[in-house]
Amino acid sequence: MTTTPQEAVGDRFDPQRMQHARERSWAALQGIRARMQPGIGEEEARAMALEVFRDLGMERLWHPVIIRIGPNTTKTYRERSEPGIRLGENDIYFIDLGLVFAGHEGDVGDTFVTGHAPQQQACAEGARQLFHLVAEAWHTRGLSGEALYAFAEQQAEAMGWRLNHEIKGHRVSDFPHAVHKAGDLGELGERPSSGLWILEIQIAHPTEPYGAFYEDLLTA
């Protein structure tokens, strides 16, 4: 691990606890997915998510629960959802969680579809595929954070998707990471260290009103 200011951590930081937080956060995401049924709205889904978190022993949220359905999947975390959207029989949605376990931050996100929605399914799979392409470039080519997102843009275009440029990844650590003021991964001019940075990928169909999101910890 480097000692650059962007990668500073607190006295309690433990890489194993970071991995624990990651694993529990993915368990929470899958628990929410198992409860997502056609007809549910985003507000109801967020309320239901709190039950999942309690069962897993979550300590607190470090960012609000974000669940986007249908056309709201094109919106960034800073944008408000269009109200009244409910999950359809053949639809797309994504889950974005920022949870604290054992004093460490987990941050995970993934996209799913209901019923038969092949175009939306392709978009969900495209976000996962693009994430793994970019993560592999980090692992094998030692790219900087800036270069990773330039690479992501090239790959997204080649795959036929539009990359959301406002989503550029960020730091995590022992809670709260915000005290270190590390900035976005996409603005980091050096290779990010393992176990400290979240790679976020958000794409959208170039003409249709749906998109997909995937995020996870960059870890060797």
Protein backbone atom coordinates (compact mmCIF):
# COMPACT_ATOMS: atom_id res chain seq x y z
CA MET A 1 0.00 0.00 0.00
CA THR A 2 1.26 3.45 -0.86
CA THR A 3 1.45 6.38 1.55
CA THR A 4 0.13 9.09 -0.79
CA PRO A 5 -2.40 11.51 0.77
CA GLN A 6 -5.13 10.11 -1.50
CA GLU A 7 -4.61 6.68 0.07
CA ALA A 8 -4.40 7.68 3.73
CA VAL A 9 -6.31 5.48 6.17
CA GLY A 10 -7.24 5.65 9.83
CA ASP A 11 -5.55 3.97 12.77
CA ARG A 12 -8.19 1.21 12.80
CA PHE A 13 -7.76 0.24 9.16
CA ASP A 14 -7.52 -3.51 8.55
CA PRO A 15 -7.46 -5.01 5.02
CA GLN A 16 -9.19 -8.16 6.25
CA ARG A 17 -12.02 -6.11 7.70
CA MET A 18 -12.30 -4.29 4.38
CA GLN A 19 -12.83 -7.65 2.70
CA HIS A 20 -15.34 -8.62 5.39
CA ALA A 21 -17.30 -5.42 4.74
CA ARG A 22 -17.19 -6.14 1.02
CA GLU A 23 -18.48 -9.69 1.45
CA ARG A 24 -21.28 -8.67 3.81
CA SER A 25 -22.30 -5.86 1.48
CA TRP A 26 -22.62 -8.30 -1.42
CA ALA A 27 -24.69 -10.57 0.81
CA ALA A 28 -26.97 -7.62 1.56
CA LEU A 29 -27.33 -6.79 -2.12
CA GLN A 30 -28.31 -10.37 -2.94
CA GLY A 31 -30.76 -10.35 -0.04
CA ILE A 32 -32.46 -7.29 -1.51
CA ARG A 33 -32.47 -8.81 -4.98
CA ALA A 34 -34.26 -11.89 -3.65
CA ARG A 35 -37.06 -9.64 -2.34
CA MET A 36 -37.50 -7.48 -5.45
CA GLN A 37 -40.81 -8.36 -7.10
CA PRO A 38 -42.80 -6.69 -9.90
CA GLY A 39 -45.00 -3.95 -8.52
CA ILE A 40 -42.57 -2.69 -5.88
CA GLY A 41 -41.58 0.97 -5.90
CA GLU A 42 -38.19 2.44 -5.05
CA GLU A 43 -39.26 3.84 -1.68
CA GLU A 44 -40.74 0.50 -0.64
CA ALA A 45 -37.60 -1.29 -1.81
CA ARG A 46 -35.38 0.97 0.31
CA ALA A 47 -37.53 0.32 3.37
CA MET A 48 -37.37 -3.42 2.73
CA ALA A 49 -33.57 -3.18 2.42
CA LEU A 50 -33.29 -2.00 6.02
CA GLU A 51 -34.69 -5.34 7.18
CA VAL A 52 -31.96 -7.14 5.22
CA PHE A 53 -29.27 -4.93 6.77
CA ARG A 54 -30.48 -5.62 10.31
CA ASP A 55 -30.35 -9.36 9.73
CA LEU A 56 -26.72 -9.06 8.58
CA GLY A 57 -25.56 -6.92 11.48
CA MET A 58 -24.85 -3.75 9.55
CA GLU A 59 -23.54 -0.94 11.79
CA ARG A 60 -24.68 2.01 9.71
CA LEU A 61 -25.05 3.40 6.21
CA TRP A 62 -22.27 5.58 4.90
CA HIS A 63 -24.29 6.63 1.86
CA PRO A 64 -28.04 6.40 1.27
CA VAL A 65 -29.50 3.23 -0.21
CA ILE A 66 -29.99 3.75 -3.93
CA ILE A 67 -32.42 1.54 -5.85
CA ARG A 68 -33.31 2.68 -9.36
CA ILE A 69 -36.05 1.15 -11.49
CA GLY A 70 -36.74 1.38 -15.23
CA PRO A 71 -36.02 4.83 -16.69
CA ASN A 72 -34.47 5.93 -13.39
CA THR A 73 -31.54 3.58 -14.09
CA THR A 74 -30.06 6.30 -16.31
CA LYS A 75 -29.80 8.72 -13.37
CA THR A 76 -26.69 9.28 -11.26
CA TYR A 77 -26.69 9.07 -7.47
CA ARG A 78 -26.92 12.87 -7.27
CA GLU A 79 -30.13 13.01 -9.31
CA ARG A 80 -33.60 12.50 -7.91
CA SER A 81 -35.64 9.61 -9.26
CA GLU A 82 -38.80 10.30 -11.20
CA PRO A 83 -41.57 9.51 -8.70
CA GLY A 84 -44.13 6.77 -9.07
CA ILE A 85 -41.96 4.30 -10.98
CA ARG A 86 -42.71 0.69 -10.12
CA LEU A 87 -40.91 -2.45 -11.18
CA GLY A 88 -42.55 -4.01 -14.21
CA GLU A 89 -42.95 -7.64 -15.23
CA ASN A 90 -40.17 -7.25 -17.83
CA ASP A 91 -37.99 -4.53 -16.42
CA ILE A 92 -34.56 -3.45 -15.20
CA TYR A 93 -33.33 -2.12 -11.85
CA PHE A 94 -30.09 -1.60 -9.98
CA ILE A 95 -29.01 -1.60 -6.34
CA ASP A 96 -26.20 0.59 -4.95
CA LEU A 97 -25.19 0.09 -1.31
CA GLY A 98 -22.73 1.85 0.99
CA LEU A 99 -22.67 -0.06 4.27
CA VAL A 100 -20.39 -0.20 7.32
CA PHE A 101 -19.44 -3.51 8.92
CA ALA A 102 -16.80 -3.84 11.66
CA GLY A 103 -15.94 -0.16 11.25
CA HIS A 104 -15.07 -0.54 7.55
CA GLU A 105 -16.88 0.57 4.42
CA GLY A 106 -18.40 -1.71 1.83
CA ASP A 107 -19.65 -0.31 -1.48
CA VAL A 108 -21.26 -2.59 -4.04
CA GLY A 109 -23.70 -2.29 -6.91
CA ASP A 110 -25.25 -4.48 -9.57
CA THR A 111 -28.11 -4.49 -12.09
CA PHE A 112 -30.83 -7.09 -12.64
CA VAL A 113 -33.90 -7.69 -14.78
CA THR A 114 -37.30 -9.21 -14.21
CA GLY A 115 -39.12 -11.48 -16.65
CA HIS A 116 -38.09 -11.43 -20.29
CA ALA A 117 -36.22 -8.23 -21.17
CA PRO A 118 -33.33 -9.27 -23.44
CA GLN A 119 -32.17 -5.76 -24.32
CA GLN A 120 -32.12 -4.69 -20.70
CA GLN A 121 -30.41 -7.96 -19.77
CA ALA A 122 -27.71 -7.19 -22.32
CA CYS A 123 -27.22 -3.79 -20.71
CA ALA A 124 -26.90 -5.32 -17.23
CA GLU A 125 -24.37 -7.83 -18.52
CA GLY A 126 -22.58 -5.06 -20.40
CA ALA A 127 -21.98 -3.11 -17.18
CA ARG A 128 -20.51 -6.21 -15.51
CA GLN A 129 -18.38 -7.04 -18.53
CA LEU A 130 -17.06 -3.48 -18.77
CA PHE A 131 -16.23 -3.46 -15.06
CA HIS A 132 -14.19 -6.64 -15.40
CA LEU A 133 -12.39 -5.37 -18.50
CA VAL A 134 -11.37 -2.20 -16.68
CA ALA A 135 -10.43 -4.08 -13.50
CA GLU A 136 -8.27 -6.43 -15.54
CA ALA A 137 -6.54 -3.44 -17.16
CA TRP A 138 -5.79 -2.12 -13.67
CA HIS A 139 -4.45 -5.47 -12.58
CA THR A 140 -2.30 -6.30 -15.62
CA ARG A 141 -1.35 -2.92 -17.07
CA GLY A 142 -0.95 -0.81 -13.95
CA LEU A 143 -3.10 2.02 -15.30
CA SER A 144 -3.72 5.18 -13.32
CA GLY A 145 -7.24 6.07 -12.21
CA GLU A 146 -7.47 8.63 -15.00
CA ALA A 147 -6.33 6.08 -17.58
CA LEU A 148 -8.80 3.51 -16.30
CA TYR A 149 -11.75 5.74 -17.07
CA ALA A 150 -10.34 6.74 -20.46
CA PHE A 151 -10.07 3.02 -21.18
CA ALA A 152 -13.62 2.48 -19.91
CA GLU A 153 -14.95 5.11 -22.30
CA GLN A 154 -13.22 3.48 -25.27
CA GLN A 155 -14.49 0.04 -24.35
CA ALA A 156 -18.05 1.22 -23.68
CA GLU A 157 -18.21 2.88 -27.10
CA ALA A 158 -16.88 -0.26 -28.77
CA MET A 159 -19.57 -2.29 -26.98
CA GLY A 160 -22.32 0.06 -28.12
CA TRP A 161 -23.06 1.70 -24.77
CA ARG A 162 -22.80 5.27 -23.49
CA LEU A 163 -20.56 5.66 -20.44
CA ASN A 164 -21.80 8.05 -17.76
CA HIS A 165 -18.84 10.40 -17.27
CA GLU A 166 -20.12 11.75 -13.94
CA ILE A 167 -19.47 8.38 -12.27
CA LYS A 168 -15.73 8.12 -11.62
CA GLY A 169 -15.21 5.87 -8.60
CA HIS A 170 -13.92 6.83 -5.17
CA ARG A 171 -12.06 5.81 -2.02
CA VAL A 172 -13.21 3.58 0.80
CA SER A 173 -11.47 2.70 4.08
CA ASP A 174 -12.22 2.43 7.76
CA PHE A 175 -15.18 4.71 8.39
CA PRO A 176 -15.29 7.56 7.58
CA HIS A 177 -13.13 7.66 4.46
CA ALA A 178 -14.31 11.22 3.72
CA VAL A 179 -11.89 12.68 6.26
CA HIS A 180 -9.02 11.85 3.89
CA LYS A 181 -10.50 13.89 0.99
CA ALA A 182 -9.06 11.52 -1.60
CA GLY A 183 -11.09 12.69 -4.60
CA ASP A 184 -12.43 10.53 -7.42
CA LEU A 185 -10.68 7.47 -8.81
CA GLY A 186 -11.08 8.93 -12.30
CA GLU A 187 -8.94 11.91 -11.26
CA LEU A 188 -6.14 9.87 -9.68
CA GLY A 189 -2.94 10.32 -11.67
CA GLU A 190 -1.28 7.15 -10.42
CA ARG A 191 -2.06 3.46 -10.13
CA PRO A 192 -4.62 2.91 -7.36
CA SER A 193 -3.57 0.48 -4.66
CA SER A 194 -5.48 -2.73 -4.00
CA GLY A 195 -8.27 -2.72 -1.46
CA LEU A 196 -8.84 1.04 -1.25
CA TRP A 197 -10.71 2.17 -4.35
CA ILE A 198 -14.18 1.50 -5.72
CA LEU A 199 -14.42 1.18 -9.49
CA GLU A 200 -17.86 2.38 -10.59
CA ILE A 201 -19.29 1.72 -14.03
CA GLN A 202 -22.57 3.22 -15.20
CA ILE A 203 -23.69 2.82 -18.80
CA ALA A 204 -26.85 3.58 -20.73
CA HIS A 205 -28.40 2.59 -24.02
CA PRO A 206 -27.52 5.31 -26.54
CA THR A 207 -31.17 5.99 -27.43
CA GLU A 208 -33.48 4.05 -25.08
CA PRO A 209 -34.33 5.15 -21.51
CA TYR A 210 -32.51 2.52 -19.48
CA GLY A 211 -29.05 1.92 -18.14
CA ALA A 212 -27.02 -0.31 -15.83
CA PHE A 213 -24.61 0.05 -12.94
CA TYR A 214 -21.90 -2.12 -11.43
CA GLU A 215 -19.33 -1.36 -8.77
CA ASP A 216 -16.92 -3.23 -6.53
CA LEU A 217 -13.62 -2.89 -4.72
CA LEU A 218 -10.48 -3.04 -6.85
CA THR A 219 -8.59 -5.86 -5.20
CA ALA A 220 -5.72 -8.01 -6.41
